[in-house]
N, C-alpha and C. Protein backbone atom coordinates (compact mmCIF):
# COMPACT_ATOMS: atom_id res chain seq x y z
N MET A 1 74.21 102.06 52.82
CA MET A 1 73.20 101.55 51.87
C MET A 1 73.55 100.13 51.69
N LYS A 2 72.47 99.28 51.72
CA LYS A 2 72.63 97.85 51.61
C LYS A 2 72.98 97.51 50.24
N LYS A 3 73.60 96.27 50.08
CA LYS A 3 74.04 95.84 48.82
C LYS A 3 73.19 94.68 48.50
N LYS A 4 72.72 94.50 47.36
CA LYS A 4 71.99 93.22 46.88
C LYS A 4 72.91 92.16 46.57
N ILE A 5 72.34 90.91 47.22
CA ILE A 5 73.09 89.64 47.07
C ILE A 5 72.18 88.65 46.37
N ARG A 6 72.70 87.93 45.15
CA ARG A 6 72.00 86.84 44.65
C ARG A 6 72.78 85.50 44.89
N ILE A 7 72.14 84.45 45.39
CA ILE A 7 72.80 83.13 45.49
C ILE A 7 71.89 82.01 44.92
N GLU A 8 72.54 81.15 44.28
CA GLU A 8 71.68 80.20 43.52
C GLU A 8 72.10 78.77 44.16
N TYR A 9 71.10 77.98 44.34
CA TYR A 9 71.25 76.59 45.10
C TYR A 9 70.60 75.63 44.09
N PRO A 10 71.32 74.60 43.41
CA PRO A 10 70.71 73.44 42.80
C PRO A 10 69.97 72.65 43.80
N LEU A 11 68.61 72.35 43.29
CA LEU A 11 67.81 71.33 44.04
C LEU A 11 67.34 70.31 43.05
N ASN A 12 67.04 69.08 43.72
CA ASN A 12 66.72 68.07 42.86
C ASN A 12 65.42 67.30 43.43
N PRO A 13 64.43 68.07 43.39
CA PRO A 13 63.17 67.51 44.07
C PRO A 13 62.28 66.64 43.02
N SER A 14 61.33 65.90 43.53
CA SER A 14 60.69 65.02 42.83
C SER A 14 59.49 65.92 42.24
N SER A 15 59.27 67.06 42.72
CA SER A 15 58.27 68.12 42.25
C SER A 15 58.42 69.49 42.84
N GLY A 16 58.14 70.42 41.82
CA GLY A 16 58.41 71.80 42.29
C GLY A 16 57.27 72.22 43.28
N SER A 17 56.08 71.55 43.24
CA SER A 17 55.29 71.75 44.34
C SER A 17 55.78 71.56 45.98
N ILE A 18 56.68 70.67 46.07
CA ILE A 18 57.36 70.57 47.12
C ILE A 18 58.05 71.73 47.75
N ILE A 19 59.03 72.23 46.69
CA ILE A 19 59.82 73.39 47.08
C ILE A 19 58.83 74.66 47.30
N TRP A 20 57.84 74.76 46.43
CA TRP A 20 56.91 76.01 46.78
C TRP A 20 56.18 75.96 48.05
N ALA A 21 55.69 74.79 48.46
CA ALA A 21 55.20 74.77 49.76
C ALA A 21 56.16 75.04 50.79
N THR A 22 57.48 74.60 50.54
CA THR A 22 58.55 74.76 51.54
C THR A 22 58.85 76.33 51.67
N ILE A 23 58.87 77.01 50.74
CA ILE A 23 59.31 78.50 50.76
C ILE A 23 58.22 79.46 50.96
N SER A 24 56.95 79.02 50.79
CA SER A 24 55.93 79.89 50.62
C SER A 24 54.92 79.81 51.70
N THR A 25 54.80 78.92 52.58
CA THR A 25 53.80 78.63 53.57
C THR A 25 54.46 78.72 54.96
N PRO A 26 53.58 79.20 56.09
CA PRO A 26 54.08 79.10 57.39
C PRO A 26 54.54 77.75 57.79
N PHE A 27 54.00 76.72 57.43
CA PHE A 27 54.35 75.21 57.76
C PHE A 27 55.73 74.94 57.17
N GLY A 28 55.82 75.25 55.92
CA GLY A 28 56.99 74.92 55.07
C GLY A 28 58.39 75.77 55.67
N LEU A 29 58.18 77.07 55.87
CA LEU A 29 59.25 77.87 56.44
C LEU A 29 59.63 77.54 57.77
N GLN A 30 58.54 76.97 58.50
CA GLN A 30 58.82 76.62 59.89
C GLN A 30 59.82 75.40 59.96
N ARG A 31 59.87 74.47 58.96
CA ARG A 31 60.60 73.34 58.89
C ARG A 31 62.07 73.76 58.68
N TRP A 32 62.48 74.85 57.93
CA TRP A 32 63.92 75.21 57.86
C TRP A 32 64.35 76.57 57.98
N PHE A 33 63.44 77.60 58.00
CA PHE A 33 63.79 78.99 58.17
C PHE A 33 63.70 79.57 59.36
N ALA A 34 62.71 79.31 60.31
CA ALA A 34 62.55 79.90 61.50
C ALA A 34 61.99 78.70 62.51
N ASP A 35 62.20 78.89 63.64
CA ASP A 35 61.53 78.06 64.71
C ASP A 35 59.92 77.97 64.76
N LYS A 36 59.45 79.12 64.63
CA LYS A 36 57.98 79.21 64.59
C LYS A 36 57.49 80.25 63.41
N VAL A 37 56.60 80.00 62.54
CA VAL A 37 56.11 81.16 61.58
C VAL A 37 54.40 80.94 61.48
N SER A 38 54.07 82.26 61.53
CA SER A 38 52.59 82.28 61.47
C SER A 38 52.27 83.47 60.59
N ASN A 39 51.12 83.60 60.04
CA ASN A 39 50.85 84.64 59.29
C ASN A 39 49.32 85.02 59.30
N VAL A 40 49.04 86.31 59.10
CA VAL A 40 47.68 86.74 58.92
C VAL A 40 47.65 87.64 57.65
N GLY A 41 46.98 87.06 56.65
CA GLY A 41 47.08 87.67 55.45
C GLY A 41 48.49 87.68 54.97
N LYS A 42 49.07 88.78 54.39
CA LYS A 42 50.22 89.01 53.82
C LYS A 42 51.38 89.23 54.98
N LEU A 43 51.02 89.26 56.07
CA LEU A 43 51.93 89.66 57.34
C LEU A 43 52.54 88.36 57.97
N PHE A 44 53.80 87.84 57.74
CA PHE A 44 54.13 86.64 58.29
C PHE A 44 55.05 87.06 59.47
N THR A 45 54.88 86.33 60.47
CA THR A 45 55.81 86.58 61.82
C THR A 45 56.57 85.44 62.01
N PHE A 46 58.02 85.52 62.20
CA PHE A 46 58.96 84.65 62.11
C PHE A 46 59.52 84.55 63.76
N GLN A 47 59.74 83.63 64.26
CA GLN A 47 60.54 83.65 65.63
C GLN A 47 61.47 82.60 65.63
N TRP A 48 62.53 83.01 66.28
CA TRP A 48 63.75 82.22 66.49
C TRP A 48 64.01 82.19 68.09
N GLY A 49 64.08 80.94 68.52
CA GLY A 49 64.29 80.80 70.02
C GLY A 49 63.10 81.60 70.70
N LYS A 50 63.55 81.98 71.84
CA LYS A 50 62.38 82.48 72.80
C LYS A 50 62.37 83.98 72.55
N THR A 51 63.39 84.70 72.14
CA THR A 51 63.45 86.12 72.28
C THR A 51 63.39 86.87 70.80
N GLU A 52 63.77 86.27 69.81
CA GLU A 52 63.74 87.06 68.49
C GLU A 52 62.59 86.68 67.56
N THR A 53 62.11 87.86 67.33
CA THR A 53 60.77 87.83 66.46
C THR A 53 60.95 89.13 65.51
N ARG A 54 60.55 88.74 64.28
CA ARG A 54 60.56 89.73 63.19
C ARG A 54 59.33 89.48 62.34
N LYS A 55 58.86 90.54 61.68
CA LYS A 55 57.56 90.51 60.82
C LYS A 55 58.12 90.71 59.42
N ALA A 56 57.44 90.05 58.49
CA ALA A 56 57.80 90.40 57.02
C ALA A 56 56.51 90.45 56.38
N GLU A 57 56.31 91.19 55.39
CA GLU A 57 55.23 91.29 54.53
C GLU A 57 55.54 90.86 53.31
N VAL A 58 54.58 90.02 52.64
CA VAL A 58 54.70 89.45 51.28
C VAL A 58 54.50 90.63 50.36
N ILE A 59 55.33 91.27 49.63
CA ILE A 59 55.02 92.23 48.72
C ILE A 59 54.95 91.71 47.37
N ASN A 60 55.22 90.65 47.01
CA ASN A 60 54.94 89.96 45.62
C ASN A 60 55.16 88.70 45.70
N PHE A 61 54.41 87.95 44.83
CA PHE A 61 54.53 86.45 44.48
C PHE A 61 53.83 86.01 43.25
N ARG A 62 54.29 84.96 42.88
CA ARG A 62 53.73 84.32 41.78
C ARG A 62 53.73 82.66 41.96
N THR A 63 52.61 82.15 42.05
CA THR A 63 52.57 80.98 42.64
C THR A 63 53.55 79.86 41.96
N GLU A 64 54.12 79.11 42.64
CA GLU A 64 55.11 78.11 42.13
C GLU A 64 56.21 78.65 41.36
N SER A 65 56.49 80.04 41.59
CA SER A 65 57.54 80.81 40.86
C SER A 65 58.56 81.41 41.91
N PHE A 66 57.89 82.49 42.55
CA PHE A 66 58.71 83.12 43.61
C PHE A 66 57.95 83.87 44.63
N ILE A 67 58.33 84.14 45.68
CA ILE A 67 57.88 84.85 46.84
C ILE A 67 58.83 85.94 47.43
N ARG A 68 58.37 87.17 47.45
CA ARG A 68 59.31 88.31 47.89
C ARG A 68 58.64 88.77 49.17
N PHE A 69 59.55 88.73 50.17
CA PHE A 69 58.98 89.41 51.46
C PHE A 69 59.90 90.64 51.85
N HIS A 70 59.32 91.67 52.60
CA HIS A 70 59.81 92.85 53.08
C HIS A 70 59.84 92.79 54.65
N TRP A 71 61.07 92.88 55.25
CA TRP A 71 61.05 92.85 56.66
C TRP A 71 60.48 94.31 56.99
N THR A 72 59.57 94.39 57.99
CA THR A 72 58.80 95.70 58.30
C THR A 72 59.67 96.62 59.09
N ASP A 73 60.78 96.00 59.60
CA ASP A 73 61.90 96.90 60.40
C ASP A 73 63.00 97.43 59.49
N GLU A 74 62.86 97.13 58.19
CA GLU A 74 63.91 97.54 57.33
C GLU A 74 63.67 98.55 56.33
N ASP A 75 64.63 99.21 55.62
CA ASP A 75 64.31 100.13 54.56
C ASP A 75 63.42 99.64 53.65
N THR A 76 62.59 100.40 53.04
CA THR A 76 61.53 99.94 52.14
C THR A 76 62.08 99.39 50.85
N LYS A 77 63.27 99.84 50.50
CA LYS A 77 63.80 99.34 49.06
C LYS A 77 64.38 97.86 49.37
N THR A 78 64.44 97.41 50.63
CA THR A 78 65.09 96.09 50.66
C THR A 78 64.15 95.03 50.66
N PHE A 79 64.38 93.81 50.61
CA PHE A 79 63.64 92.64 50.47
C PHE A 79 64.47 91.39 50.45
N PHE A 80 63.65 90.21 50.89
CA PHE A 80 64.39 88.91 50.47
C PHE A 80 63.41 87.99 49.73
N GLU A 81 63.86 87.52 48.63
CA GLU A 81 63.22 86.74 47.72
C GLU A 81 63.54 85.17 47.37
N LEU A 82 62.70 84.43 47.41
CA LEU A 82 62.97 83.04 47.11
C LEU A 82 62.25 82.70 45.75
N LYS A 83 63.15 82.28 44.85
CA LYS A 83 62.63 82.16 43.32
C LYS A 83 63.01 80.73 42.91
N MET A 84 62.14 79.95 42.35
CA MET A 84 62.26 78.76 41.76
C MET A 84 62.54 78.84 40.38
N ASN A 85 63.55 78.30 39.77
CA ASN A 85 63.78 78.16 38.30
C ASN A 85 63.83 76.62 37.99
N TYR A 86 63.20 76.48 36.91
CA TYR A 86 63.29 75.13 36.43
C TYR A 86 64.05 75.03 35.06
N ASN A 87 64.86 73.75 35.08
CA ASN A 87 65.60 73.70 33.88
C ASN A 87 65.24 72.47 33.22
N GLU A 88 64.58 72.80 31.94
CA GLU A 88 63.80 71.60 31.42
C GLU A 88 64.80 70.71 30.77
N LEU A 89 66.01 71.00 30.55
CA LEU A 89 67.17 70.07 30.02
C LEU A 89 67.23 68.96 31.14
N THR A 90 67.67 69.47 32.33
CA THR A 90 68.00 68.64 33.36
C THR A 90 66.89 68.12 34.30
N SER A 91 65.70 68.89 34.13
CA SER A 91 64.49 68.55 35.01
C SER A 91 64.86 68.89 36.48
N ASP A 92 65.87 69.70 36.67
CA ASP A 92 66.11 70.28 38.17
C ASP A 92 65.65 71.45 38.32
N TYR A 93 65.76 71.83 39.52
CA TYR A 93 65.13 73.15 39.97
C TYR A 93 66.36 73.90 40.60
N LEU A 94 66.35 75.12 40.36
CA LEU A 94 67.42 75.94 41.16
C LEU A 94 66.69 76.97 42.01
N LEU A 95 67.07 77.17 43.26
CA LEU A 95 66.41 78.01 44.10
C LEU A 95 67.30 79.31 44.19
N GLU A 96 66.75 80.42 43.62
CA GLU A 96 67.70 81.64 43.58
C GLU A 96 67.21 82.51 44.82
N VAL A 97 67.94 82.79 45.71
CA VAL A 97 67.87 83.70 46.92
C VAL A 97 68.38 85.16 46.52
N THR A 98 67.48 86.16 46.82
CA THR A 98 67.89 87.37 46.71
C THR A 98 67.85 88.16 48.09
N ASP A 99 68.77 88.72 48.55
CA ASP A 99 68.84 89.35 49.85
C ASP A 99 69.68 90.66 49.94
N PHE A 100 69.66 91.48 50.86
CA PHE A 100 70.49 92.59 51.09
C PHE A 100 71.19 92.54 52.42
N ALA A 101 72.47 93.01 52.07
CA ALA A 101 73.51 93.04 53.18
C ALA A 101 74.12 94.42 53.37
N ASP A 102 74.44 94.58 54.75
CA ASP A 102 75.24 95.90 55.00
C ASP A 102 76.71 95.73 54.47
N PRO A 103 77.42 96.97 54.12
CA PRO A 103 78.66 96.71 53.59
C PRO A 103 79.39 95.90 54.57
N GLY A 104 80.42 95.01 54.01
CA GLY A 104 81.24 94.38 54.95
C GLY A 104 80.57 93.04 55.29
N GLU A 105 79.11 92.89 55.32
CA GLU A 105 78.63 91.79 55.85
C GLU A 105 78.17 90.80 54.96
N GLU A 106 78.60 90.86 53.74
CA GLU A 106 78.07 90.20 52.45
C GLU A 106 78.42 88.55 52.66
N GLU A 107 79.63 88.25 53.14
CA GLU A 107 80.08 86.90 53.43
C GLU A 107 79.23 86.35 54.61
N ASP A 108 78.89 87.13 55.57
CA ASP A 108 78.01 86.56 56.66
C ASP A 108 76.71 86.28 56.04
N VAL A 109 75.99 87.04 55.28
CA VAL A 109 74.71 86.76 54.80
C VAL A 109 74.77 85.53 53.98
N ARG A 110 75.82 85.38 53.10
CA ARG A 110 75.90 84.31 52.16
C ARG A 110 76.05 83.00 53.00
N SER A 111 76.67 83.02 54.06
CA SER A 111 76.94 81.87 55.04
C SER A 111 75.55 81.56 55.70
N LEU A 112 75.12 82.49 56.06
CA LEU A 112 73.68 82.09 56.80
C LEU A 112 72.78 81.49 55.89
N TRP A 113 72.56 82.06 54.49
CA TRP A 113 71.63 81.35 53.59
C TRP A 113 72.18 79.89 53.28
N ASP A 114 73.52 79.83 53.03
CA ASP A 114 74.20 78.59 52.86
C ASP A 114 73.62 77.55 54.05
N SER A 115 73.79 77.90 55.22
CA SER A 115 73.32 77.17 56.24
C SER A 115 71.95 76.76 56.30
N GLN A 116 71.05 77.77 55.89
CA GLN A 116 69.72 77.69 56.02
C GLN A 116 69.09 76.55 54.99
N ILE A 117 69.82 76.80 53.63
CA ILE A 117 69.42 75.91 52.53
C ILE A 117 69.94 74.52 52.68
N GLU A 118 71.03 74.26 53.51
CA GLU A 118 71.19 72.83 53.75
C GLU A 118 70.23 72.29 54.74
N VAL A 119 69.64 73.06 55.76
CA VAL A 119 68.50 72.58 56.45
C VAL A 119 67.36 72.30 55.52
N LEU A 120 67.02 73.17 54.63
CA LEU A 120 66.09 72.91 53.74
C LEU A 120 66.19 71.66 52.86
N ARG A 121 67.36 71.34 52.53
CA ARG A 121 67.68 70.18 51.59
C ARG A 121 67.34 68.98 52.67
N ARG A 122 67.86 69.07 53.65
CA ARG A 122 67.75 67.93 54.84
C ARG A 122 66.43 67.72 55.13
N VAL A 123 65.52 68.59 55.36
CA VAL A 123 64.28 68.33 55.75
C VAL A 123 63.17 67.90 54.62
N CYS A 124 63.76 68.18 53.34
CA CYS A 124 62.99 67.92 52.24
C CYS A 124 63.49 66.60 51.51
N GLY A 125 64.54 66.18 52.04
CA GLY A 125 65.24 64.96 51.33
C GLY A 125 65.70 65.25 49.91
N LEU A 126 66.23 66.50 49.80
CA LEU A 126 66.80 67.08 48.44
C LEU A 126 68.23 66.83 48.23
């Protein structure tokens, strides 16, 4: 049984719209998450390199708040979610990532997200 993992990343964008476009559109996701991203309706296709391709369905979202994907080749109870939280006191955003990991692979999943979020920060100038 996979274990749910939540990781928070502080971001300092000039606007929440920048983050939303980066985490919810094929063009935005292609800048930091995968080499190529396309979609037909709610079904997104992610490609890494020349051989790895995975499909994920958007199972829930709220504009400029969160987007939840379900990998079509995974257990139906698992997902990964990218959620924006705004702190009115500091005017900063927090990106909360929720994902699932097999037992013993939690640190690998955290490291992968750490690496991906660093790319996101770099490409968005955050």
